[in-house]
Structures are given as structure tokens and as C-alpha cells.
Protein backbone atom coordinates (compact mmCIF):
# COMPACT_ATOMS: atom_id res chain seq x y z
CA MET A 1 102.44 219.51 164.98
CA ALA A 2 98.84 219.57 163.80
CA ARG A 3 100.02 220.54 160.33
CA VAL A 4 102.24 217.48 159.94
CA ARG A 5 100.56 215.09 157.53
CA GLN A 6 100.00 211.57 158.76
CA LYS A 7 98.57 210.07 155.58
CA GLY A 8 99.44 210.61 151.95
CA THR A 9 102.89 212.06 152.50
CA ASP A 10 105.19 212.46 149.51
CA VAL A 11 107.34 209.57 150.74
CA GLU A 12 104.32 207.31 151.15
CA LEU A 13 102.94 208.23 147.73
CA ALA A 14 106.29 207.52 146.05
CA LEU A 15 106.47 204.13 147.76
CA ARG A 16 102.89 203.30 146.74
CA ARG A 17 103.67 204.19 143.12
CA ALA A 18 106.78 202.00 143.17
CA LEU A 19 104.86 199.06 144.67
CA HIS A 20 102.05 199.46 142.15
CA ALA A 21 104.58 199.54 139.29
CA LYS A 22 105.86 196.16 140.51
CA GLY A 23 102.35 194.76 140.20
CA LEU A 24 101.73 194.64 143.93
CA ARG A 25 98.25 195.47 145.16
CA TYR A 26 97.64 196.55 148.71
CA ARG A 27 95.19 198.23 151.06
CA LEU A 28 95.74 201.51 152.84
CA HIS A 29 95.47 202.43 156.50
CA VAL A 30 93.77 199.24 157.70
CA PRO A 31 93.51 199.13 161.51
CA LEU A 32 95.18 195.88 162.60
CA LEU A 33 95.27 196.46 166.33
CA SER A 34 92.78 198.10 168.60
CA LYS A 35 93.13 199.31 172.17
CA PRO A 36 95.43 200.99 171.45
CA ARG A 37 94.67 201.49 167.79
CA ARG A 38 97.62 200.94 165.44
CA VAL A 39 97.26 201.49 161.71
CA PRO A 40 99.94 200.60 159.13
CA ASP A 41 100.33 202.82 156.07
CA ILE A 42 100.23 199.91 153.60
CA VAL A 43 98.83 196.42 154.19
CA PHE A 44 99.04 193.20 152.20
CA PRO A 45 96.26 191.30 154.00
CA ARG A 46 96.60 187.89 152.34
CA ARG A 47 100.32 187.78 152.99
CA LYS A 48 99.97 189.37 156.44
CA VAL A 49 102.56 192.07 155.73
CA ALA A 50 102.18 195.49 157.33
CA VAL A 51 104.27 198.44 156.13
CA PHE A 52 104.92 201.56 158.18
CA VAL A 53 106.54 204.62 156.63
CA ASP A 54 108.39 206.36 159.46
CA GLY A 55 109.60 209.95 159.43
CA CYS A 56 113.23 210.31 160.50
CA PHE A 57 112.54 213.01 163.09
CA TRP A 58 109.35 211.59 164.60
CA HIS A 59 110.54 208.01 164.92
CA GLY A 60 114.19 208.53 165.87
CA CYS A 61 116.03 207.43 162.73
CA PRO A 62 119.52 206.24 163.70
CA GLN A 63 120.99 208.09 160.69
CA HIS A 64 119.07 211.37 160.70
CA ALA A 65 117.44 211.84 164.09
CA SER A 66 118.17 215.11 165.78
CA TRP A 67 117.41 216.29 169.27
CA PRO A 68 116.05 219.83 169.30
CA LYS A 69 117.69 222.24 171.71
CA SER A 70 114.50 224.21 172.29
CA ASN A 71 112.14 222.42 174.68
CA ALA A 72 114.61 219.52 174.61
CA GLN A 73 113.07 217.30 177.28
CA PHE A 74 109.60 217.47 175.72
CA TRP A 75 110.94 216.42 172.33
CA ARG A 76 113.18 213.69 173.74
CA ASP A 77 110.19 212.24 175.64
CA LYS A 78 107.97 212.51 172.55
CA ILE A 79 110.41 210.80 170.19
CA GLU A 80 111.34 208.10 172.70
CA SER A 81 107.64 207.36 173.33
CA ASN A 82 107.12 207.07 169.55
CA MET A 83 110.02 204.60 169.37
CA ALA A 84 108.61 202.57 172.26
CA ARG A 85 105.16 202.54 170.62
CA ASP A 86 106.72 201.35 167.34
CA ALA A 87 108.50 198.50 169.14
CA ASP A 88 105.28 197.54 170.93
CA THR A 89 103.36 197.59 167.64
CA ASP A 90 105.97 195.40 165.95
CA ARG A 91 105.90 192.92 168.84
CA ARG A 92 102.10 192.73 168.98
CA LEU A 93 101.70 192.30 165.22
CA HIS A 94 104.44 189.65 165.15
CA GLU A 95 102.57 187.74 167.88
CA LEU A 96 99.51 187.77 165.59
CA GLY A 97 101.52 186.33 162.70
CA TRP A 98 102.17 189.55 160.78
CA ARG A 99 105.44 190.56 159.14
CA VAL A 100 106.23 194.21 159.83
CA VAL A 101 108.29 196.31 157.44
CA ARG A 102 109.49 199.72 158.53
CA VAL A 103 110.55 202.14 155.81
CA TRP A 104 112.44 205.30 156.76
CA ALA A 105 111.43 208.51 155.02
CA HIS A 106 114.99 208.92 153.70
CA GLU A 107 114.97 205.56 151.89
CA ALA A 108 114.65 205.57 148.13
CA ALA A 109 111.15 204.42 147.16
CA ASP A 110 112.43 201.94 144.58
CA GLU A 111 114.80 200.30 147.06
CA ALA A 112 112.13 200.08 149.74
CA ALA A 113 109.66 198.66 147.19
CA LYS A 114 112.20 195.95 146.21
CA ARG A 115 112.61 194.99 149.86
CA ILE A 116 108.84 194.86 150.38
CA GLU A 117 108.30 192.92 147.14
CA THR A 118 110.78 190.27 148.27
CA ILE A 119 108.95 189.85 151.57
CA VAL A 120 105.46 189.86 150.03
CA ARG A 121 106.26 187.46 147.19
CA ASN A 122 108.25 185.06 149.38
CA GLU A 123 106.08 185.28 152.50
CA GLY A 124 104.57 181.86 151.91
CA ASP A 125 108.06 180.33 151.85
CA LEU A 126 109.10 181.96 155.14
CA GLN A 127 106.54 180.29 157.38
């Protein structure tokens, strides 16, 4: 597990390129919550939009999640705790006025970037 990259994954880099191509500027890995510390992958601070790029295995993707047969209970507990942490993060950020966007690793970068662009550019109209 130590070898699994947390920052700068291929999926994240593709999404960042797609967002940049749309003229969107963002910050990376800005801690928004502390105790416990939660850090989105991409942040649009002025618009209060936080983007998390979630791996299908680690975050329990409804389409692609799999439950390993080896050491099954450990992995079920691990993935379920990740899902609970994600829900807690979403709730806490929402309470602070942030919009949270979750992008699955299997999503096409261009499609995810369109979805994020719509939220970022229209955020002022949504409040």
C-alpha cells in the first residue's frame, strides 16, 4: 500500500490538464479541514469548490469496486472506512459552504472537467 501514489496520479494529471485547457485555474492539495486533516486534490478557493479524485478500489466505486478474497475482512473494513471518511468530509465541507465534487478514476477526464467547469463557473448563481 505504501507504493500507491496519493498525489500526481495519471488520472489526476489528466483532469488537471483538461481543466487548464478550459481556462480554469486552481490550487493543489490545500488542506481545508484539520483534526482530522482532509485535503482535496484540486481546489477553487474563490468559488469554494473542492475536487477529490477517488480510486475505484480504494473508495468503493459502485461500478468497479471489488472485494478481495484474500484477507477479505481487512479489505472490507478498510474500504468501508474510506467511504465513511469521504461522506464525513463531504458533510463537513458542505457545512462550511464548500461544494464538493467527487471524480471516479474511471471517468473520462474531459467529461469530469466539463462537470467541474459547470459547477465552478455557475457557483455564484447557485447560492
